[in-house]
């Protein structure tokens, strides 16, 4: 697609690691918001909460850092065991 703010259903499927049919089902169920243009659906990139942005803003980075620290604190031993598996 030419507009980088809009994603095709194929692009969304590739990014999420699911099939196009699964994307259509999620659109139908309201899990993914999409607009119909002609016969095709497009999805706004920003709908994914910045997941696909190239860089994080300072407050977003702080939020991610805090979440990582919490996970490591609570599940550190489990993560170590999984890393050795």
PDB file of N, CA and C in Angstrom:
ATOM      1  N   UNK A   1       0.831  -1.172   0.000  1.00  0.00           N
ATOM      2  CA  UNK A   1       0.000   0.000   0.000  1.00  0.00           C
ATOM      3  C   UNK A   1       0.883   1.246   0.000  1.00  0.00           C
ATOM      4  N   UNK A   2       0.399   2.302  -0.584  1.00  0.00           N
ATOM      5  CA  UNK A   2       1.175   3.527  -0.664  1.00  0.00           C
ATOM      6  C   UNK A   2       1.137   4.306   0.638  1.00  0.00           C
ATOM      7  N   UNK A   3       0.004   4.314   1.320  1.00  0.00           N
ATOM      8  CA  UNK A   3      -0.135   5.053   2.564  1.00  0.00           C
ATOM      9  C   UNK A   3       0.349   4.180   3.716  1.00  0.00           C
ATOM     10  N   UNK A   4       1.442   4.555   4.360  1.00  0.00           N
ATOM     11  CA  UNK A   4       2.028   3.724   5.412  1.00  0.00           C
ATOM     12  C   UNK A   4       1.190   3.717   6.683  1.00  0.00           C
ATOM     13  N   UNK A   5       0.196   4.602   6.794  1.00  0.00           N
ATOM     14  CA  UNK A   5      -0.681   4.617   7.959  1.00  0.00           C
ATOM     15  C   UNK A   5      -1.794   3.585   7.841  1.00  0.00           C
ATOM     16  N   UNK A   6      -1.994   3.059   6.643  1.00  0.00           N
ATOM     17  CA  UNK A   6      -3.032   2.056   6.414  1.00  0.00           C
ATOM     18  C   UNK A   6      -2.398   0.729   6.034  1.00  0.00           C
ATOM     19  N   UNK A   7      -2.970  -0.339   6.551  1.00  0.00           N
ATOM     20  CA  UNK A   7      -2.466  -1.681   6.274  1.00  0.00           C
ATOM     21  C   UNK A   7      -3.544  -2.502   5.580  1.00  0.00           C
ATOM     22  N   UNK A   8      -3.132  -3.323   4.644  1.00  0.00           N
ATOM     23  CA  UNK A   8      -4.065  -4.248   4.013  1.00  0.00           C
ATOM     24  C   UNK A   8      -4.296  -5.423   4.959  1.00  0.00           C
ATOM     25  N   UNK A   9      -5.314  -6.205   4.690  1.00  0.00           N
ATOM     26  CA  UNK A   9      -5.572  -7.382   5.520  1.00  0.00           C
ATOM     27  C   UNK A   9      -4.422  -8.382   5.415  1.00  0.00           C
ATOM     28  N   UNK A  10      -3.782  -8.437   4.276  1.00  0.00           N
ATOM     29  CA  UNK A  10      -2.625  -9.322   4.101  1.00  0.00           C
ATOM     30  C   UNK A  10      -1.479  -8.868   4.996  1.00  0.00           C
ATOM     31  N   UNK A  11      -1.220  -7.561   5.036  1.00  0.00           N
ATOM     32  CA  UNK A  11      -0.150  -7.033   5.879  1.00  0.00           C
ATOM     33  C   UNK A  11      -0.449  -7.271   7.361  1.00  0.00           C
ATOM     34  N   UNK A  12      -1.701  -7.075   7.751  1.00  0.00           N
ATOM     35  CA  UNK A  12      -2.088  -7.312   9.147  1.00  0.00           C
ATOM     36  C   UNK A  12      -1.887  -8.787   9.500  1.00  0.00           C
ATOM     37  N   UNK A  13      -2.286  -9.668   8.601  1.00  0.00           N
ATOM     38  CA  UNK A  13      -2.128 -11.103   8.843  1.00  0.00           C
ATOM     39  C   UNK A  13      -0.659 -11.466   9.021  1.00  0.00           C
ATOM     40  N   UNK A  14       0.196 -10.925   8.179  1.00  0.00           N
ATOM     41  CA  UNK A  14       1.639 -11.202   8.280  1.00  0.00           C
ATOM     42  C   UNK A  14       2.204 -10.671   9.588  1.00  0.00           C
ATOM     43  N   UNK A  15       1.822  -9.469   9.980  1.00  0.00           N
ATOM     44  CA  UNK A  15       2.338  -8.864  11.210  1.00  0.00           C
ATOM     45  C   UNK A  15       1.898  -9.627  12.455  1.00  0.00           C
ATOM     46  N   UNK A  16       0.654 -10.118  12.436  1.00  0.00           N
ATOM     47  CA  UNK A  16       0.127 -10.826  13.600  1.00  0.00           C
ATOM     48  C   UNK A  16       0.417 -12.323  13.562  1.00  0.00           C
ATOM     49  N   UNK A  17       0.903 -12.803  12.426  1.00  0.00           N
ATOM     50  CA  UNK A  17       1.207 -14.228  12.312  1.00  0.00           C
ATOM     51  C   UNK A  17      -0.040 -15.090  12.253  1.00  0.00           C
ATOM     52  N   UNK A  18      -1.087 -14.557  11.638  1.00  0.00           N
ATOM     53  CA  UNK A  18      -2.337 -15.297  11.489  1.00  0.00           C
ATOM     54  C   UNK A  18      -2.757 -15.271  10.022  1.00  0.00           C
ATOM     55  N   UNK A  19      -3.784 -16.029   9.695  1.00  0.00           N
ATOM     56  CA  UNK A  19      -4.255 -16.074   8.306  1.00  0.00           C
ATOM     57  C   UNK A  19      -5.133 -14.859   7.995  1.00  0.00           C
ATOM     58  N   UNK A  20      -5.327 -14.607   6.708  1.00  0.00           N
ATOM     59  CA  UNK A  20      -6.225 -13.518   6.298  1.00  0.00           C
ATOM     60  C   UNK A  20      -7.647 -13.793   6.755  1.00  0.00           C
ATOM     61  N   UNK A  21      -8.035 -15.059   6.726  1.00  0.00           N
ATOM     62  CA  UNK A  21      -9.382 -15.434   7.185  1.00  0.00           C
ATOM     63  C   UNK A  21      -9.539 -15.061   8.658  1.00  0.00           C
ATOM     64  N   UNK A  22      -8.501 -15.304   9.459  1.00  0.00           N
ATOM     65  CA  UNK A  22      -8.543 -14.939  10.880  1.00  0.00           C
ATOM     66  C   UNK A  22      -8.655 -13.424  11.043  1.00  0.00           C
ATOM     67  N   UNK A  23      -7.975 -12.672  10.178  1.00  0.00           N
ATOM     68  CA  UNK A  23      -8.081 -11.210  10.221  1.00  0.00           C
ATOM     69  C   UNK A  23      -9.519 -10.798   9.915  1.00  0.00           C
ATOM     70  N   UNK A  24     -10.114 -11.378   8.874  1.00  0.00           N
ATOM     71  CA  UNK A  24     -11.503 -11.052   8.528  1.00  0.00           C
ATOM     72  C   UNK A  24     -12.444 -11.408   9.677  1.00  0.00           C
ATOM     73  N   UNK A  25     -12.208 -12.537  10.332  1.00  0.00           N
ATOM     74  CA  UNK A  25     -13.041 -12.925  11.469  1.00  0.00           C
ATOM     75  C   UNK A  25     -12.913 -11.924  12.608  1.00  0.00           C
ATOM     76  N   UNK A  26     -11.694 -11.451  12.859  1.00  0.00           N
ATOM     77  CA  UNK A  26     -11.487 -10.465  13.918  1.00  0.00           C
ATOM     78  C   UNK A  26     -12.120  -9.121  13.561  1.00  0.00           C
ATOM     79  N   UNK A  27     -12.100  -8.783  12.287  1.00  0.00           N
ATOM     80  CA  UNK A  27     -12.783  -7.565  11.835  1.00  0.00           C
ATOM     81  C   UNK A  27     -14.280  -7.722  12.074  1.00  0.00           C
ATOM     82  N   UNK A  28     -14.823  -8.861  11.684  1.00  0.00           N
ATOM     83  CA  UNK A  28     -16.257  -9.127  11.838  1.00  0.00           C
ATOM     84  C   UNK A  28     -16.664  -9.096  13.310  1.00  0.00           C
ATOM     85  N   UNK A  29     -15.805  -9.630  14.190  1.00  0.00           N
ATOM     86  CA  UNK A  29     -16.104  -9.669  15.624  1.00  0.00           C
ATOM     87  C   UNK A  29     -15.825  -8.354  16.326  1.00  0.00           C
ATOM     88  N   UNK A  30     -15.234  -7.399  15.616  1.00  0.00           N
ATOM     89  CA  UNK A  30     -14.933  -6.102  16.201  1.00  0.00           C
ATOM     90  C   UNK A  30     -13.612  -6.054  16.948  1.00  0.00           C
ATOM     91  N   UNK A  31     -12.835  -7.125  16.904  1.00  0.00           N
ATOM     92  CA  UNK A  31     -11.540  -7.150  17.577  1.00  0.00           C
ATOM     93  C   UNK A  31     -10.522  -6.269  16.850  1.00  0.00           C
ATOM     94  N   UNK A  32     -10.669  -6.179  15.538  1.00  0.00           N
ATOM     95  CA  UNK A  32      -9.832  -5.306  14.717  1.00  0.00           C
ATOM     96  C   UNK A  32     -10.768  -4.333  14.017  1.00  0.00           C
ATOM     97  N   UNK A  33     -10.509  -3.044  14.192  1.00  0.00           N
ATOM     98  CA  UNK A  33     -11.323  -2.031  13.524  1.00  0.00           C
ATOM     99  C   UNK A  33     -10.758  -1.811  12.127  1.00  0.00           C
ATOM    100  N   UNK A  34     -11.629  -1.846  11.138  1.00  0.00           N
ATOM    101  CA  UNK A  34     -11.198  -1.680   9.753  1.00  0.00           C
ATOM    102  C   UNK A  34     -12.225  -0.839   8.999  1.00  0.00           C
ATOM    103  N   UNK A  35     -11.757  -0.239   7.928  1.00  0.00           N
ATOM    104  CA  UNK A  35     -12.636   0.516   7.038  1.00  0.00           C
ATOM    105  C   UNK A  35     -12.693  -0.206   5.706  1.00  0.00           C
ATOM    106  N   UNK A  36     -13.864  -0.223   5.113  1.00  0.00           N
ATOM    107  CA  UNK A  36     -14.005  -0.853   3.813  1.00  0.00           C
ATOM    108  C   UNK A  36     -13.835   0.212   2.740  1.00  0.00           C
ATOM    109  N   UNK A  37     -12.904  -0.054   1.847  1.00  0.00           N
ATOM    110  CA  UNK A  37     -12.671   0.826   0.712  1.00  0.00           C
ATOM    111  C   UNK A  37     -12.879  -0.028  -0.530  1.00  0.00           C
ATOM    112  N   UNK A  38     -13.955   0.237  -1.223  1.00  0.00           N
ATOM    113  CA  UNK A  38     -14.297  -0.610  -2.366  1.00  0.00           C
ATOM    114  C   UNK A  38     -14.622  -2.011  -1.874  1.00  0.00           C
ATOM    115  N   UNK A  39     -13.903  -2.991  -2.392  1.00  0.00           N
ATOM    116  CA  UNK A  39     -14.106  -4.381  -1.974  1.00  0.00           C
ATOM    117  C   UNK A  39     -13.136  -4.813  -0.884  1.00  0.00           C
ATOM    118  N   UNK A  40     -12.228  -3.918  -0.511  1.00  0.00           N
ATOM    119  CA  UNK A  40     -11.160  -4.277   0.417  1.00  0.00           C
ATOM    120  C   UNK A  40     -11.305  -3.573   1.756  1.00  0.00           C
ATOM    121  N   UNK A  41     -10.735  -4.198   2.785  1.00  0.00           N
ATOM    122  CA  UNK A  41     -10.655  -3.585   4.098  1.00  0.00           C
ATOM    123  C   UNK A  41      -9.246  -3.047   4.306  1.00  0.00           C
ATOM    124  N   UNK A  42      -9.144  -1.931   5.016  1.00  0.00           N
ATOM    125  CA  UNK A  42      -7.849  -1.402   5.432  1.00  0.00           C
ATOM    126  C   UNK A  42      -7.908  -1.154   6.934  1.00  0.00           C
ATOM    127  N   UNK A  43      -6.753  -1.279   7.564  1.00  0.00           N
ATOM    128  CA  UNK A  43      -6.657  -1.119   9.009  1.00  0.00           C
ATOM    129  C   UNK A  43      -5.649  -0.013   9.288  1.00  0.00           C
ATOM    130  N   UNK A  44      -6.005   0.888  10.192  1.00  0.00           N
ATOM    131  CA  UNK A  44      -5.075   1.962  10.559  1.00  0.00           C
ATOM    132  C   UNK A  44      -3.968   1.379  11.424  1.00  0.00           C
ATOM    133  N   UNK A  45      -2.745   1.700  11.064  1.00  0.00           N
ATOM    134  CA  UNK A  45      -1.568   1.185  11.777  1.00  0.00           C
ATOM    135  C   UNK A  45      -1.600   1.570  13.258  1.00  0.00           C
ATOM    136  N   UNK A  46      -2.054   2.783  13.573  1.00  0.00           N
ATOM    137  CA  UNK A  46      -2.026   3.239  14.965  1.00  0.00           C
ATOM    138  C   UNK A  46      -3.001   2.483  15.860  1.00  0.00           C
ATOM    139  N   UNK A  47      -3.883   1.693  15.267  1.00  0.00           N
ATOM    140  CA  UNK A  47      -4.813   0.879  16.048  1.00  0.00           C
ATOM    141  C   UNK A  47      -4.079  -0.131  16.935  1.00  0.00           C
ATOM    142  N   UNK A  48      -2.869  -0.482  16.564  1.00  0.00           N
ATOM    143  CA  UNK A  48      -2.123  -1.495  17.292  1.00  0.00           C
ATOM    144  C   UNK A  48      -1.314  -0.902  18.440  1.00  0.00           C
ATOM    145  N   UNK A  49      -1.629   0.316  18.839  1.00  0.00           N
ATOM    146  CA  UNK A  49      -1.021   0.911  20.017  1.00  0.00           C
ATOM    147  C   UNK A  49       0.470   1.130  19.928  1.00  0.00           C
ATOM    148  N   UNK A  50       0.974   1.387  18.766  1.00  0.00           N
ATOM    149  CA  UNK A  50       2.388   1.664  18.624  1.00  0.00           C
ATOM    150  C   UNK A  50       3.257   0.428  18.548  1.00  0.00           C
ATOM    151  N   UNK A  51       2.667  -0.726  18.480  1.00  0.00           N
ATOM    152  CA  UNK A  51       3.438  -1.971  18.436  1.00  0.00           C
ATOM    153  C   UNK A  51       4.381  -1.996  17.244  1.00  0.00           C
ATOM    154  N   UNK A  52       3.980  -1.416  16.136  1.00  0.00           N
ATOM    155  CA  UNK A  52       4.777  -1.485  14.924  1.00  0.00           C
ATOM    156  C   UNK A  52       5.537  -0.195  14.633  1.00  0.00           C
ATOM    157  N   UNK A  53       5.629   0.697  15.613  1.00  0.00           N
ATOM    158  CA  UNK A  53       6.409   1.909  15.416  1.00  0.00           C
ATOM    159  C   UNK A  53       7.883   1.565  15.441  1.00  0.00           C
ATOM    160  N   UNK A  54       8.682   2.379  14.790  1.00  0.00           N
ATOM    161  CA  UNK A  54      10.118   2.123  14.730  1.00  0.00           C
ATOM    162  C   UNK A  54      10.824   2.493  16.025  1.00  0.00           C
ATOM    163  N   UNK A  55      10.310   3.468  16.769  1.00  0.00           N
ATOM    164  CA  UNK A  55      10.938   3.844  18.028  1.00  0.00           C
ATOM    165  C   UNK A  55       9.853   4.243  19.026  1.00  0.00           C
ATOM    166  N   UNK A  56      10.200   4.150  20.308  1.00  0.00           N
ATOM    167  CA  UNK A  56       9.263   4.491  21.360  1.00  0.00           C
ATOM    168  C   UNK A  56       9.540   5.888  21.886  1.00  0.00           C
ATOM    169  N   UNK A  57       8.483   6.545  22.315  1.00  0.00           N
ATOM    170  CA  UNK A  57       8.650   7.821  22.984  1.00  0.00           C
ATOM    171  C   UNK A  57       9.090   7.548  24.417  1.00  0.00           C
ATOM    172  N   UNK A  58       9.587   8.565  25.097  1.00  0.00           N
ATOM    173  CA  UNK A  58      10.153   8.380  26.429  1.00  0.00           C
ATOM    174  C   UNK A  58       9.163   7.738  27.401  1.00  0.00           C
ATOM    175  N   UNK A  59       7.918   8.229  27.446  1.00  0.00           N
ATOM    176  CA  UNK A  59       6.944   7.670  28.387  1.00  0.00           C
ATOM    177  C   UNK A  59       6.568   6.236  28.027  1.00  0.00           C
ATOM    178  N   UNK A  60       6.536   5.921  26.729  1.00  0.00           N
ATOM    179  CA  UNK A  60       6.256   4.547  26.310  1.00  0.00           C
ATOM    180  C   UNK A  60       7.394   3.616  26.717  1.00  0.00           C
ATOM    181  N   UNK A  61       8.630   4.094  26.565  1.00  0.00           N
ATOM    182  CA  UNK A  61       9.789   3.290  26.946  1.00  0.00           C
ATOM    183  C   UNK A  61       9.789   3.021  28.449  1.00  0.00           C
ATOM    184  N   UNK A  62       9.454   4.029  29.244  1.00  0.00           N
ATOM    185  CA  UNK A  62       9.390   3.856  30.693  1.00  0.00           C
ATOM    186  C   UNK A  62       8.322   2.825  31.074  1.00  0.00           C
ATOM    187  N   UNK A  63       7.185   2.856  30.402  1.00  0.00           N
ATOM    188  CA  UNK A  63       6.113   1.898  30.669  1.00  0.00           C
ATOM    189  C   UNK A  63       6.574   0.483  30.353  1.00  0.00           C
ATOM    190  N   UNK A  64       7.240   0.311  29.227  1.00  0.00           N
ATOM    191  CA  UNK A  64       7.754  -1.005  28.841  1.00  0.00           C
ATOM    192  C   UNK A  64       8.814  -1.473  29.831  1.00  0.00           C
ATOM    193  N   UNK A  65       9.715  -0.598  30.208  1.00  0.00           N
ATOM    194  CA  UNK A  65      10.765  -0.953  31.167  1.00  0.00           C
ATOM    195  C   UNK A  65      10.172  -1.415  32.495  1.00  0.00           C
ATOM    196  N   UNK A  66       9.167  -0.691  32.994  1.00  0.00           N
ATOM    197  CA  UNK A  66       8.520  -1.081  34.247  1.00  0.00           C
ATOM    198  C   UNK A  66       7.844  -2.445  34.123  1.00  0.00           C
ATOM    199  N   UNK A  67       7.196  -2.681  32.991  1.00  0.00           N
ATOM    200  CA  UNK A  67       6.524  -3.965  32.777  1.00  0.00           C
ATOM    201  C   UNK A  67       7.533  -5.109  32.728  1.00  0.00           C
ATOM    202  N   UNK A  68       8.645  -4.890  32.064  1.00  0.00           N
ATOM    203  CA  UNK A  68       9.688  -5.926  31.976  1.00  0.00           C
ATOM    204  C   UNK A  68      10.244  -6.220  33.364  1.00  0.00           C
ATOM    205  N   UNK A  69      10.525  -5.181  34.140  1.00  0.00           N
ATOM    206  CA  UNK A  69      11.049  -5.381  35.498  1.00  0.00           C
ATOM    207  C   UNK A  69      10.070  -6.176  36.354  1.00  0.00           C
ATOM    208  N   UNK A  70       8.783  -5.869  36.231  1.00  0.00           N
ATOM    209  CA  UNK A  70       7.759  -6.577  37.002  1.00  0.00           C
ATOM    210  C   UNK A  70       7.712  -8.054  36.616  1.00  0.00           C
ATOM    211  N   UNK A  71       7.753  -8.330  35.321  1.00  0.00           N
ATOM    212  CA  UNK A  71       7.715  -9.715  34.856  1.00  0.00           C
ATOM    213  C   UNK A  71       8.946 -10.479  35.332  1.00  0.00           C
ATOM    214  N   UNK A  72      10.103  -9.869  35.222  1.00  0.00           N
ATOM    215  CA  UNK A  72      11.335 -10.532  35.651  1.00  0.00           C
ATOM    216  C   UNK A  72      11.298 -10.792  37.157  1.00  0.00           C
ATOM    217  N   UNK A  73      10.802  -9.816  37.916  1.00  0.00           N
ATOM    218  CA  UNK A  73      10.719  -9.974  39.372  1.00  0.00           C
ATOM    219  C   UNK A  73       9.778 -11.123  39.739  1.00  0.00           C
ATOM    220  N   UNK A  74       8.619 -11.181  39.091  1.00  0.00           N
ATOM    221  CA  UNK A  74       7.612 -12.174  39.446  1.00  0.00           C
ATOM    222  C   UNK A  74       7.869 -13.547  38.834  1.00  0.00           C
ATOM    223  N   UNK A  75       8.478 -13.583  37.655  1.00  0.00           N
ATOM    224  CA  UNK A  75       8.627 -14.857  36.942  1.00  0.00           C
ATOM    225  C   UNK A  75      10.070 -15.169  36.576  1.00  0.00           C
ATOM    226  N   UNK A  76      11.015 -14.528  37.261  1.00  0.00           N
ATOM    227  CA  UNK A  76      12.426 -14.700  36.932  1.00  0.00           C
ATOM    228  C   UNK A  76      12.879 -16.146  36.895  1.00  0.00           C
ATOM    229  N   UNK A  77      12.544 -16.902  37.918  1.00  0.00           N
ATOM    230  CA  UNK A  77      12.968 -18.305  37.974  1.00  0.00           C
ATOM    231  C   UNK A  77      12.349 -19.118  36.840  1.00  0.00           C
ATOM    232  N   UNK A  78      11.091 -18.884  36.570  1.00  0.00           N
ATOM    233  CA  UNK A  78      10.418 -19.589  35.471  1.00  0.00           C
ATOM    234  C   UNK A  78      11.060 -19.244  34.141  1.00  0.00           C
ATOM    235  N   UNK A  79      11.387 -17.973  33.941  1.00  0.00           N
ATOM    236  CA  UNK A  79      12.034 -17.559  32.698  1.00  0.00           C
ATOM    237  C   UNK A  79      13.398 -18.234  32.544  1.00  0.00           C
ATOM    238  N   UNK A  80      14.141 -18.344  33.650  1.00  0.00           N
ATOM    239  CA  UNK A  80      15.432 -19.028  33.598  1.00  0.00           C
ATOM    240  C   UNK A  80      15.266 -20.489  33.192  1.00  0.00           C
ATOM    241  N   UNK A  81      14.276 -21.148  33.778  1.00  0.00           N
ATOM    242  CA  UNK A  81      14.018 -22.554  33.445  1.00  0.00           C
ATOM    243  C   UNK A  81      13.618 -22.697  31.977  1.00  0.00           C
ATOM    244  N   UNK A  82      12.785 -21.786  31.503  1.00  0.00           N
ATOM    245  CA  UNK A  82      12.374 -21.839  30.092  1.00  0.00           C
ATOM    246  C   UNK A  82      13.574 -21.586  29.174  1.00  0.00           C
ATOM    247  N   UNK A  83      14.473 -20.721  29.594  1.00  0.00           N
ATOM    248  CA  UNK A  83      15.661 -20.429  28.795  1.00  0.00           C
ATOM    249  C   UNK A  83      16.596 -21.624  28.684  1.00  0.00           C
ATOM    250  N   UNK A  84      16.564 -22.485  29.660  1.00  0.00           N
ATOM    251  CA  UNK A  84      17.422 -23.682  29.644  1.00  0.00           C
ATOM    252  C   UNK A  84      16.781 -24.855  28.930  1.00  0.00           C
ATOM    253  N   UNK A  85      15.513 -24.733  28.612  1.00  0.00           N
ATOM    254  CA  UNK A  85      14.791 -25.851  27.979  1.00  0.00           C
ATOM    255  C   UNK A  85      15.203 -26.051  26.549  1.00  0.00           C
TER     256      UNK A  85
END
